[in-house]
Amino acid sequence: MRIPLQLIVPSHTLKTVNSYALINSGADISCIDYSFVKKHKLSVAKLEEPIHSRNADGSLNKKGDI
């Protein structure tokens, strides 16, 4: 099911993006695809410690760390 929503990211800029979301209630963290970030020109900041991205089978994601 596709659920329409309005994102406000980051909250201090009050920039809004209309999109659809896929809800995963079993997710450990919340993240969005980098192509979505680039398309909507959202600001980003590099993490001091990268998050190692793993697939459902436990293997490292080929697109790398977050």
Protein backbone atom coordinates (compact mmCIF):
# COMPACT_ATOMS: atom_id res chain seq x y z
CA MET A 1 0.00 0.00 0.00
CA ARG A 2 1.31 3.47 -0.89
CA ILE A 3 0.68 6.12 1.72
CA PRO A 4 0.85 9.80 0.69
CA LEU A 5 2.75 12.01 3.10
CA GLN A 6 4.46 15.36 3.38
CA LEU A 7 8.05 15.38 4.65
CA ILE A 8 9.55 18.35 6.46
CA VAL A 9 13.29 17.72 6.35
CA PRO A 10 15.21 19.07 8.15
CA SER A 11 12.67 20.60 10.46
CA HIS A 12 14.53 23.90 10.97
CA THR A 13 14.37 24.76 7.23
CA LEU A 14 10.62 24.04 6.91
CA LYS A 15 11.25 22.69 3.39
CA THR A 16 8.44 20.31 2.41
CA VAL A 17 8.49 17.43 -0.06
CA ASN A 18 5.37 15.57 -1.14
CA SER A 19 5.97 11.85 -1.63
CA TYR A 20 4.74 8.34 -0.88
CA ALA A 21 6.11 6.14 1.87
CA LEU A 22 6.47 2.42 2.36
CA ILE A 23 6.04 1.72 6.07
CA ASN A 24 8.36 -0.93 7.56
CA SER A 25 7.42 -1.31 11.21
CA GLY A 26 10.25 -3.81 11.74
CA ALA A 27 13.04 -1.43 10.65
CA ASP A 28 15.92 -0.78 13.08
CA ILE A 29 16.59 2.74 11.72
CA SER A 30 14.93 5.27 9.45
CA CYS A 31 16.72 6.37 6.28
CA ILE A 32 15.93 7.54 2.76
CA ASP A 33 17.52 6.83 -0.61
CA TYR A 34 20.28 9.25 -1.65
CA SER A 35 18.73 9.74 -5.12
CA PHE A 36 15.61 11.08 -3.32
CA VAL A 37 17.85 13.47 -1.35
CA LYS A 38 19.52 14.73 -4.55
CA LYS A 39 16.23 15.05 -6.47
CA HIS A 40 14.66 17.21 -3.76
CA LYS A 41 17.90 19.06 -2.90
CA LEU A 42 17.79 18.13 0.79
CA SER A 43 20.76 19.08 2.96
CA VAL A 44 23.04 16.32 4.25
CA ALA A 45 25.80 16.01 6.84
CA LYS A 46 28.49 13.34 7.02
CA LEU A 47 28.36 11.10 10.10
CA GLU A 48 31.43 10.88 12.35
CA GLU A 49 30.98 7.10 12.44
CA PRO A 50 29.47 5.51 9.31
CA ILE A 51 26.59 3.05 9.68
CA HIS A 52 27.40 -0.27 8.01
CA SER A 53 24.45 -1.05 5.77
CA ARG A 54 23.37 -4.71 5.66
CA ASN A 55 20.80 -6.53 3.56
CA ALA A 56 18.08 -8.81 4.90
CA ASP A 57 20.41 -11.83 4.48
CA GLY A 58 23.11 -10.16 6.61
CA SER A 59 25.48 -9.38 3.71
CA LEU A 60 26.96 -5.87 3.38
CA ASN A 61 25.05 -3.63 1.00
CA LYS A 62 26.91 -3.10 -2.30
CA LYS A 63 26.16 0.64 -2.28
CA GLY A 64 28.26 1.00 0.86
CA ASP A 65 27.96 2.57 4.27
CA ILE A 66 25.51 5.26 5.34
